[in-house]
Amino acid sequence: MPTPADRGPGQPWRPGIPAPAPVDPDTPSADIRIGYARCSTLTQELQTQLDALVAKRIPRDKIFSEKISTRVRVRPQFEAALTAAREIKAHAPHCRVIFTVYEMKRLGRDAAELTALADHLTAHGLILEMLAGPLPGIYDPSGPGRLLFAFFAAMAETERENIREATLEGLDTAARKGNHGGRPPVITNDMLHTVLRRRANGETVEDIQPDLIIPTGRRKGQSPSLSSIYRALAEHEKTQAYPEAVEAAHADFAALQQRERRPK
């Protein structure tokens, strides 16, 4: 027997009013996806990512892509994708706006970047989707997906504490040897700045290494090893990601030295 359409609470029933059709969650009125793809300038992974985003029926004009090194923290197309997602959400607050990537490593290179992204998505009511990798799925920071965002925050806190402890140990070791800095003397600040500047211009560490000369010590006049350069770069990148951890280590070390100087 036919039944009348749901008239809603407090409304009289009128014949001929059809029941509203259910909304398909994959229709643009329910979900709007913004796609982002990134690969290193040295690899050719971009097409696979683009194909996966197109397979999710994301329009071409809503897919942002770039070939850019993981060393570069400012990614123009990444920022453009986030801006587009924010603007769509502002104009269509009733829609789910989903920021879609192929896999997690396309989002950032460390926990600091992932945590910053999680905070940004949460603040603007955006949803994260990963199509492949170890954690595929849709993550809503206001729903069950908040567990993933909490995991990002825990990762960042662990990295921050590890950097603080490593910096503190380096300062202590250097002080016991009569030095006052945490970096091994084989790579000076001037050498590190040279590497950073030339890498930003497209040169590789292998190209730069022969031009670096150790100014003092047992290996004076020689070039540092590639492993020494990479270690210095890794240390620099971590301190850039978590400057507050380095500051905390220096403050802790200064407090320890003050306590040791007090008369007993």
C-alpha atoms as a PDB file:
ATOM      1  CA  MET A   1       0.000   0.000   0.000  1.00  0.00           C
ATOM      2  CA  PRO A   2       1.491   3.408  -0.907  1.00  0.00           C
ATOM      3  CA  THR A   3       2.394   5.618   2.016  1.00  0.00           C
ATOM      4  CA  PRO A   4       2.471   9.410   2.064  1.00  0.00           C
ATOM      5  CA  ALA A   5       5.761  11.245   2.082  1.00  0.00           C
ATOM      6  CA  ASP A   6       7.265  12.230   5.402  1.00  0.00           C
ATOM      7  CA  ARG A   7       5.728  15.638   6.021  1.00  0.00           C
ATOM      8  CA  GLY A   8       8.167  16.575   8.837  1.00  0.00           C
ATOM      9  CA  PRO A   9       7.238  17.449  12.414  1.00  0.00           C
ATOM     10  CA  GLY A  10       4.451  19.992  12.844  1.00  0.00           C
ATOM     11  CA  GLN A  11       3.580  20.117   9.126  1.00  0.00           C
ATOM     12  CA  PRO A  12       0.246  18.984   7.617  1.00  0.00           C
ATOM     13  CA  TRP A  13       0.310  16.237   5.038  1.00  0.00           C
ATOM     14  CA  ARG A  14      -0.536  17.238   1.480  1.00  0.00           C
ATOM     15  CA  PRO A  15      -1.130  14.732  -1.298  1.00  0.00           C
ATOM     16  CA  GLY A  16       1.248  14.604  -4.212  1.00  0.00           C
ATOM     17  CA  ILE A  17       4.442  15.645  -2.346  1.00  0.00           C
ATOM     18  CA  PRO A  18       7.104  13.044  -3.191  1.00  0.00           C
ATOM     19  CA  ALA A  19       9.502  11.776  -0.587  1.00  0.00           C
ATOM     20  CA  PRO A  20      12.931  13.439  -0.900  1.00  0.00           C
ATOM     21  CA  ALA A  21      15.476  11.257  -2.664  1.00  0.00           C
ATOM     22  CA  PRO A  22      18.388  10.054  -0.517  1.00  0.00           C
ATOM     23  CA  VAL A  23      21.644  11.904  -1.125  1.00  0.00           C
ATOM     24  CA  ASP A  24      24.426   9.767  -2.532  1.00  0.00           C
ATOM     25  CA  PRO A  25      27.523  10.442  -0.370  1.00  0.00           C
ATOM     26  CA  ASP A  26      29.690  10.392  -3.504  1.00  0.00           C
ATOM     27  CA  THR A  27      27.780  13.149  -5.293  1.00  0.00           C
ATOM     28  CA  PRO A  28      29.330  16.633  -5.428  1.00  0.00           C
ATOM     29  CA  SER A  29      26.510  17.984  -3.249  1.00  0.00           C
ATOM     30  CA  ALA A  30      27.652  15.718  -0.400  1.00  0.00           C
ATOM     31  CA  ASP A  31      31.414  15.454  -0.914  1.00  0.00           C
ATOM     32  CA  ILE A  32      33.760  17.837  -2.682  1.00  0.00           C
ATOM     33  CA  ARG A  33      37.294  16.610  -3.146  1.00  0.00           C
ATOM     34  CA  ILE A  34      40.458  18.604  -3.708  1.00  0.00           C
ATOM     35  CA  GLY A  35      43.346  16.475  -4.944  1.00  0.00           C
ATOM     36  CA  TYR A  36      47.051  17.004  -4.384  1.00  0.00           C
ATOM     37  CA  ALA A  37      49.957  15.103  -5.960  1.00  0.00           C
ATOM     38  CA  ARG A  38      53.669  15.577  -5.422  1.00  0.00           C
ATOM     39  CA  CYS A  39      56.830  13.787  -6.428  1.00  0.00           C
ATOM     40  CA  SER A  40      60.524  14.471  -6.186  1.00  0.00           C
ATOM     41  CA  THR A  41      62.214  16.204  -9.094  1.00  0.00           C
ATOM     42  CA  LEU A  42      64.323  13.048  -9.504  1.00  0.00           C
ATOM     43  CA  THR A  43      61.470  10.528  -9.807  1.00  0.00           C
ATOM     44  CA  GLN A  44      58.558   9.934 -12.162  1.00  0.00           C
ATOM     45  CA  GLU A  45      55.734   9.015  -9.800  1.00  0.00           C
ATOM     46  CA  LEU A  46      53.362  11.844 -10.580  1.00  0.00           C
ATOM     47  CA  GLN A  47      51.226  10.121 -13.225  1.00  0.00           C
ATOM     48  CA  THR A  48      50.303   7.231 -10.930  1.00  0.00           C
ATOM     49  CA  GLN A  49      49.076   9.694  -8.335  1.00  0.00           C
ATOM     50  CA  LEU A  50      47.161  11.753 -10.886  1.00  0.00           C
ATOM     51  CA  ASP A  51      45.459   8.647 -12.276  1.00  0.00           C
ATOM     52  CA  ALA A  52      44.376   7.629  -8.772  1.00  0.00           C
ATOM     53  CA  LEU A  53      42.933  11.086  -8.087  1.00  0.00           C
ATOM     54  CA  VAL A  54      41.056  11.116 -11.399  1.00  0.00           C
ATOM     55  CA  ALA A  55      39.677   7.659 -10.563  1.00  0.00           C
ATOM     56  CA  LYS A  56      38.039   9.276  -7.510  1.00  0.00           C
ATOM     57  CA  ARG A  57      36.176  11.524  -9.975  1.00  0.00           C
ATOM     58  CA  ILE A  58      38.032  14.640  -8.900  1.00  0.00           C
ATOM     59  CA  PRO A  59      37.771  17.255 -11.678  1.00  0.00           C
ATOM     60  CA  ARG A  60      41.036  18.192 -13.316  1.00  0.00           C
ATOM     61  CA  ASP A  61      40.697  21.801 -12.205  1.00  0.00           C
ATOM     62  CA  LYS A  62      40.546  20.635  -8.593  1.00  0.00           C
ATOM     63  CA  ILE A  63      43.760  18.598  -8.761  1.00  0.00           C
ATOM     64  CA  PHE A  64      46.974  20.393  -7.815  1.00  0.00           C
ATOM     65  CA  SER A  65      50.339  18.815  -8.556  1.00  0.00           C
ATOM     66  CA  GLU A  66      54.015  19.679  -8.470  1.00  0.00           C
ATOM     67  CA  LYS A  67      57.458  18.179  -8.852  1.00  0.00           C
ATOM     68  CA  ILE A  68      59.398  19.484  -5.910  1.00  0.00           C
ATOM     69  CA  SER A  69      62.062  18.147  -3.595  1.00  0.00           C
ATOM     70  CA  THR A  70      61.166  16.995  -0.097  1.00  0.00           C
ATOM     71  CA  ARG A  71      63.853  19.422   1.123  1.00  0.00           C
ATOM     72  CA  VAL A  72      61.665  22.376   0.131  1.00  0.00           C
ATOM     73  CA  ARG A  73      59.275  23.326   2.911  1.00  0.00           C
ATOM     74  CA  VAL A  74      57.298  25.898   0.903  1.00  0.00           C
ATOM     75  CA  ARG A  75      55.242  24.024  -1.724  1.00  0.00           C
ATOM     76  CA  PRO A  76      53.222  26.455  -3.863  1.00  0.00           C
ATOM     77  CA  GLN A  77      50.720  23.931  -5.247  1.00  0.00           C
ATOM     78  CA  PHE A  78      50.214  22.362  -1.826  1.00  0.00           C
ATOM     79  CA  GLU A  79      49.331  25.778  -0.420  1.00  0.00           C
ATOM     80  CA  ALA A  80      47.081  26.455  -3.421  1.00  0.00           C
ATOM     81  CA  ALA A  81      45.220  23.177  -2.826  1.00  0.00           C
ATOM     82  CA  LEU A  82      44.644  24.033   0.833  1.00  0.00           C
ATOM     83  CA  THR A  83      43.455  27.519  -0.135  1.00  0.00           C
ATOM     84  CA  ALA A  84      40.975  26.050  -2.626  1.00  0.00           C
ATOM     85  CA  ALA A  85      39.673  23.621   0.002  1.00  0.00           C
ATOM     86  CA  ARG A  86      39.219  26.422   2.536  1.00  0.00           C
ATOM     87  CA  GLU A  87      37.368  28.629   0.054  1.00  0.00           C
ATOM     88  CA  ILE A  88      35.015  25.826  -0.983  1.00  0.00           C
ATOM     89  CA  LYS A  89      34.239  24.994   2.642  1.00  0.00           C
ATOM     90  CA  ALA A  90      33.533  28.661   3.367  1.00  0.00           C
ATOM     91  CA  HIS A  91      31.040  28.856   0.470  1.00  0.00           C
ATOM     92  CA  ALA A  92      29.499  25.406   1.071  1.00  0.00           C
ATOM     93  CA  PRO A  93      29.692  24.723   4.812  1.00  0.00           C
ATOM     94  CA  HIS A  94      27.072  21.934   4.515  1.00  0.00           C
ATOM     95  CA  CYS A  95      29.373  19.884   2.261  1.00  0.00           C
ATOM     96  CA  ARG A  96      32.190  17.599   3.262  1.00  0.00           C
ATOM     97  CA  VAL A  97      35.339  19.060   1.720  1.00  0.00           C
ATOM     98  CA  ILE A  98      37.936  16.311   1.447  1.00  0.00           C
ATOM     99  CA  PHE A  99      41.645  16.940   0.916  1.00  0.00           C
ATOM    100  CA  THR A 100      42.728  13.852  -1.043  1.00  0.00           C
ATOM    101  CA  VAL A 101      46.277  12.600  -1.569  1.00  0.00           C
ATOM    102  CA  TYR A 102      47.679   9.344  -2.884  1.00  0.00           C
ATOM    103  CA  GLU A 103      49.556   8.441   0.318  1.00  0.00           C
ATOM    104  CA  MET A 104      50.765   9.945   3.575  1.00  0.00           C
ATOM    105  CA  LYS A 105      54.315  10.734   2.448  1.00  0.00           C
ATOM    106  CA  ARG A 106      52.909  13.250  -0.057  1.00  0.00           C
ATOM    107  CA  LEU A 107      51.697  15.372   2.862  1.00  0.00           C
ATOM    108  CA  GLY A 108      54.988  16.081   4.621  1.00  0.00           C
ATOM    109  CA  ARG A 109      58.399  14.738   5.429  1.00  0.00           C
ATOM    110  CA  ASP A 110      58.242  14.750   9.218  1.00  0.00           C
ATOM    111  CA  ALA A 111      55.866  14.756  12.155  1.00  0.00           C
ATOM    112  CA  ALA A 112      56.104  18.532  12.487  1.00  0.00           C
ATOM    113  CA  GLU A 113      54.663  19.094   9.010  1.00  0.00           C
ATOM    114  CA  LEU A 114      52.000  16.416   9.510  1.00  0.00           C
ATOM    115  CA  THR A 115      50.948  17.939  12.818  1.00  0.00           C
ATOM    116  CA  ALA A 116      50.770  21.430  11.303  1.00  0.00           C
ATOM    117  CA  LEU A 117      48.585  20.067   8.496  1.00  0.00           C
ATOM    118  CA  ALA A 118      46.337  18.244  10.976  1.00  0.00           C
ATOM    119  CA  ASP A 119      45.855  21.461  12.948  1.00  0.00           C
ATOM    120  CA  HIS A 120      45.061  23.357   9.739  1.00  0.00           C
ATOM    121  CA  LEU A 121      42.485  20.819   8.551  1.00  0.00           C
ATOM    122  CA  THR A 122      40.840  20.723  11.971  1.00  0.00           C
ATOM    123  CA  ALA A 123      40.651  24.518  12.229  1.00  0.00           C
ATOM    124  CA  HIS A 124      38.913  24.825   8.848  1.00  0.00           C
ATOM    125  CA  GLY A 125      36.607  21.806   9.072  1.00  0.00           C
ATOM    126  CA  LEU A 126      38.372  19.878   6.310  1.00  0.00           C
ATOM    127  CA  ILE A 127      38.690  16.108   5.992  1.00  0.00           C
ATOM    128  CA  LEU A 128      41.776  14.129   4.981  1.00  0.00           C
ATOM    129  CA  GLU A 129      41.723  11.198   2.570  1.00  0.00           C
ATOM    130  CA  MET A 130      44.632   8.907   1.654  1.00  0.00           C
ATOM    131  CA  LEU A 131      44.163   6.482  -1.225  1.00  0.00           C
ATOM    132  CA  ALA A 132      47.123   4.146  -0.655  1.00  0.00           C
ATOM    133  CA  GLY A 133      49.995   3.455   1.710  1.00  0.00           C
ATOM    134  CA  PRO A 134      49.808   2.058   5.246  1.00  0.00           C
ATOM    135  CA  LEU A 135      46.767   4.136   6.310  1.00  0.00           C
ATOM    136  CA  PRO A 136      44.305   4.431   3.408  1.00  0.00           C
ATOM    137  CA  GLY A 137      40.894   5.862   4.173  1.00  0.00           C
ATOM    138  CA  ILE A 138      38.978   9.017   5.089  1.00  0.00           C
ATOM    139  CA  TYR A 139      39.873  10.752   8.339  1.00  0.00           C
ATOM    140  CA  ASP A 140      37.536  13.343   9.813  1.00  0.00           C
ATOM    141  CA  PRO A 141      39.294  15.258  12.613  1.00  0.00           C
ATOM    142  CA  SER A 142      35.931  15.884  14.270  1.00  0.00           C
ATOM    143  CA  GLY A 143      35.039  12.157  14.233  1.00  0.00           C
ATOM    144  CA  PRO A 144      36.872   8.827  14.434  1.00  0.00           C
ATOM    145  CA  GLY A 145      39.673  10.306  12.323  1.00  0.00           C
ATOM    146  CA  ARG A 146      40.833  12.320  15.322  1.00  0.00           C
ATOM    147  CA  LEU A 147      42.829   9.242  16.389  1.00  0.00           C
ATOM    148  CA  LEU A 148      45.097   9.671  13.359  1.00  0.00           C
ATOM    149  CA  PHE A 149      45.557  13.357  14.109  1.00  0.00           C
ATOM    150  CA  ALA A 150      46.364  12.505  17.729  1.00  0.00           C
ATOM    151  CA  PHE A 151      48.950  10.052  16.396  1.00  0.00           C
ATOM    152  CA  PHE A 152      50.541  12.842  14.348  1.00  0.00           C
ATOM    153  CA  ALA A 153      50.739  14.981  17.479  1.00  0.00           C
ATOM    154  CA  ALA A 154      52.303  12.124  19.459  1.00  0.00           C
ATOM    155  CA  MET A 155      54.898  11.589  16.727  1.00  0.00           C
ATOM    156  CA  ALA A 156      55.792  15.273  16.798  1.00  0.00           C
ATOM    157  CA  GLU A 157      56.116  15.282  20.580  1.00  0.00           C
ATOM    158  CA  THR A 158      58.396  12.221  20.445  1.00  0.00           C
ATOM    159  CA  GLU A 159      60.607  13.831  17.799  1.00  0.00           C
ATOM    160  CA  ARG A 160      60.713  17.052  19.795  1.00  0.00           C
ATOM    161  CA  GLU A 161      61.823  15.245  22.953  1.00  0.00           C
ATOM    162  CA  ASN A 162      64.431  13.205  21.057  1.00  0.00           C
ATOM    163  CA  ILE A 163      65.911  16.394  19.594  1.00  0.00           C
ATOM    164  CA  ARG A 164      65.988  18.055  23.016  1.00  0.00           C
ATOM    165  CA  GLU A 165      67.803  15.080  24.551  1.00  0.00           C
ATOM    166  CA  ALA A 166      70.256  14.742  21.655  1.00  0.00           C
ATOM    167  CA  THR A 167      71.058  18.467  21.750  1.00  0.00           C
ATOM    168  CA  LEU A 168      71.537  18.356  25.509  1.00  0.00           C
ATOM    169  CA  GLU A 169      73.884  15.370  25.231  1.00  0.00           C
ATOM    170  CA  GLY A 170      75.840  17.114  22.466  1.00  0.00           C
ATOM    171  CA  LEU A 171      76.253  20.256  24.556  1.00  0.00           C
ATOM    172  CA  ASP A 172      77.404  18.216  27.547  1.00  0.00           C
ATOM    173  CA  THR A 173      79.918  16.229  25.487  1.00  0.00           C
ATOM    174  CA  ALA A 174      81.275  19.390  23.860  1.00  0.00           C
ATOM    175  CA  ALA A 175      81.600  21.142  27.233  1.00  0.00           C
ATOM    176  CA  ARG A 176      83.561  18.220  28.690  1.00  0.00           C
ATOM    177  CA  LYS A 177      85.968  18.491  25.752  1.00  0.00           C
ATOM    178  CA  GLY A 178      86.349  22.242  26.254  1.00  0.00           C
ATOM    179  CA  ASN A 179      84.047  23.266  23.398  1.00  0.00           C
ATOM    180  CA  HIS A 180      80.766  25.165  23.554  1.00  0.00           C
ATOM    181  CA  GLY A 181      78.722  23.921  20.629  1.00  0.00           C
ATOM    182  CA  GLY A 182      76.809  20.802  19.742  1.00  0.00           C
ATOM    183  CA  ARG A 183      77.896  20.220  16.125  1.00  0.00           C
ATOM    184  CA  PRO A 184      81.083  18.247  15.396  1.00  0.00           C
ATOM    185  CA  PRO A 185      83.823  20.708  14.348  1.00  0.00           C
ATOM    186  CA  VAL A 186      84.406  18.898  11.050  1.00  0.00           C
ATOM    187  CA  ILE A 187      81.343  20.734   9.638  1.00  0.00           C
ATOM    188  CA  THR A 188      81.426  24.417  10.520  1.00  0.00           C
ATOM    189  CA  ASN A 189      78.484  26.793  10.281  1.00  0.00           C
ATOM    190  CA  ASP A 190      80.045  28.435   7.217  1.00  0.00           C
ATOM    191  CA  MET A 191      80.356  25.059   5.497  1.00  0.00           C
ATOM    192  CA  LEU A 192      76.777  24.150   6.358  1.00  0.00           C
ATOM    193  CA  HIS A 193      75.457  27.456   4.999  1.00  0.00           C
ATOM    194  CA  THR A 194      77.433  26.874   1.788  1.00  0.00           C
ATOM    195  CA  VAL A 195      75.844  23.451   1.360  1.00  0.00           C
ATOM    196  CA  LEU A 196      72.354  24.804   2.017  1.00  0.00           C
ATOM    197  CA  ARG A 197      72.785  27.695  -0.418  1.00  0.00           C
ATOM    198  CA  ARG A 198      74.185  25.569  -3.234  1.00  0.00           C
ATOM    199  CA  ARG A 199      71.631  22.799  -2.757  1.00  0.00           C
ATOM    200  CA  ALA A 200      68.878  25.407  -3.024  1.00  0.00           C
ATOM    201  CA  ASN A 201      70.352  26.274  -6.436  1.00  0.00           C
ATOM    202  CA  GLY A 202      70.042  22.660  -7.604  1.00  0.00           C
ATOM    203  CA  GLU A 203      73.484  21.223  -6.836  1.00  0.00           C
ATOM    204  CA  THR A 204      73.877  17.836  -5.160  1.00  0.00           C
ATOM    205  CA  VAL A 205      75.898  17.109  -2.037  1.00  0.00           C
ATOM    206  CA  GLU A 206      78.275  15.059  -4.195  1.00  0.00           C
ATOM    207  CA  ASP A 207      78.908  18.138  -6.368  1.00  0.00           C
ATOM    208  CA  ILE A 208      79.519  20.373  -3.353  1.00  0.00           C
ATOM    209  CA  GLN A 209      81.706  18.077  -1.238  1.00  0.00           C
ATOM    210  CA  PRO A 210      85.067  18.578  -3.060  1.00  0.00           C
ATOM    211  CA  ASP A 211      84.830  22.364  -2.582  1.00  0.00           C
ATOM    212  CA  LEU A 212      84.451  22.110   1.207  1.00  0.00           C
ATOM    213  CA  ILE A 213      87.688  22.287   3.195  1.00  0.00           C
ATOM    214  CA  ILE A 214      87.984  21.464   6.895  1.00  0.00           C
ATOM    215  CA  PRO A 215      89.640  24.531   8.491  1.00  0.00           C
ATOM    216  CA  THR A 216      91.044  23.040  11.700  1.00  0.00           C
ATOM    217  CA  GLY A 217      91.812  19.816  13.493  1.00  0.00           C
ATOM    218  CA  ARG A 218      93.322  16.512  12.520  1.00  0.00           C
ATOM    219  CA  ARG A 219      91.799  16.593   9.016  1.00  0.00           C
ATOM    220  CA  LYS A 220      92.621  20.234   8.304  1.00  0.00           C
ATOM    221  CA  GLY A 221      92.821  20.907   4.544  1.00  0.00           C
ATOM    222  CA  GLN A 222      90.746  17.860   3.603  1.00  0.00           C
ATOM    223  CA  SER A 223      87.167  17.630   2.415  1.00  0.00           C
ATOM    224  CA  PRO A 224      84.589  16.233   4.847  1.00  0.00           C
ATOM    225  CA  SER A 225      83.023  12.874   4.082  1.00  0.00           C
ATOM    226  CA  LEU A 226      79.600  12.679   2.508  1.00  0.00           C
ATOM    227  CA  SER A 227      78.257  11.002   5.638  1.00  0.00           C
ATOM    228  CA  SER A 228      79.460  13.940   7.769  1.00  0.00           C
ATOM    229  CA  ILE A 229      77.697  16.393   5.476  1.00  0.00           C
ATOM    230  CA  TYR A 230      74.464  14.412   5.488  1.00  0.00           C
ATOM    231  CA  ARG A 231      74.553  14.119   9.287  1.00  0.00           C
ATOM    232  CA  ALA A 232      74.994  17.886   9.609  1.00  0.00           C
ATOM    233  CA  LEU A 233      72.112  18.473   7.187  1.00  0.00           C
ATOM    234  CA  ALA A 234      69.850  16.070   9.066  1.00  0.00           C
ATOM    235  CA  GLU A 235      70.663  17.798  12.355  1.00  0.00           C
ATOM    236  CA  HIS A 236      70.003  21.198  10.812  1.00  0.00           C
ATOM    237  CA  GLU A 237      66.652  20.125   9.359  1.00  0.00           C
ATOM    238  CA  LYS A 238      65.487  18.729  12.686  1.00  0.00           C
ATOM    239  CA  THR A 239      66.440  21.872  14.561  1.00  0.00           C
ATOM    240  CA  GLN A 240      64.606  23.930  11.939  1.00  0.00           C
ATOM    241  CA  ALA A 241      61.496  21.796  12.420  1.00  0.00           C
ATOM    242  CA  TYR A 242      61.614  22.010  16.229  1.00  0.00           C
ATOM    243  CA  PRO A 243      63.486  25.184  17.243  1.00  0.00           C
ATOM    244  CA  GLU A 244      61.712  25.173  20.603  1.00  0.00           C
ATOM    245  CA  ALA A 245      63.294  21.791  21.412  1.00  0.00           C
ATOM    246  CA  VAL A 246      66.776  23.183  20.779  1.00  0.00           C
ATOM    247  CA  GLU A 247      66.021  26.260  22.885  1.00  0.00           C
ATOM    248  CA  ALA A 248      64.747  24.030  25.693  1.00  0.00           C
ATOM    249  CA  ALA A 249      67.938  21.960  25.565  1.00  0.00           C
ATOM    250  CA  HIS A 250      70.130  25.064  25.829  1.00  0.00           C
ATOM    251  CA  ALA A 251      68.037  26.349  28.735  1.00  0.00           C
ATOM    252  CA  ASP A 252      68.256  22.975  30.503  1.00  0.00           C
ATOM    253  CA  PHE A 253      72.010  22.835  29.955  1.00  0.00           C
ATOM    254  CA  ALA A 254      72.495  26.349  31.324  1.00  0.00           C
ATOM    255  CA  ALA A 255      70.454  25.426  34.407  1.00  0.00           C
ATOM    256  CA  LEU A 256      72.535  22.283  34.939  1.00  0.00           C
ATOM    257  CA  GLN A 257      75.766  24.261  34.699  1.00  0.00           C
ATOM    258  CA  GLN A 258      74.489  26.792  37.233  1.00  0.00           C
ATOM    259  CA  ARG A 259      73.652  24.018  39.685  1.00  0.00           C
ATOM    260  CA  GLU A 260      77.095  22.468  39.249  1.00  0.00           C
ATOM    261  CA  ARG A 261      78.797  25.808  39.995  1.00  0.00           C
ATOM    262  CA  ARG A 262      76.953  26.316  43.268  1.00  0.00           C
ATOM    263  CA  PRO A 263      79.087  25.713  46.362  1.00  0.00           C
ATOM    264  CA  LYS A 264      78.253  22.495  48.110  1.00  0.00           C
END
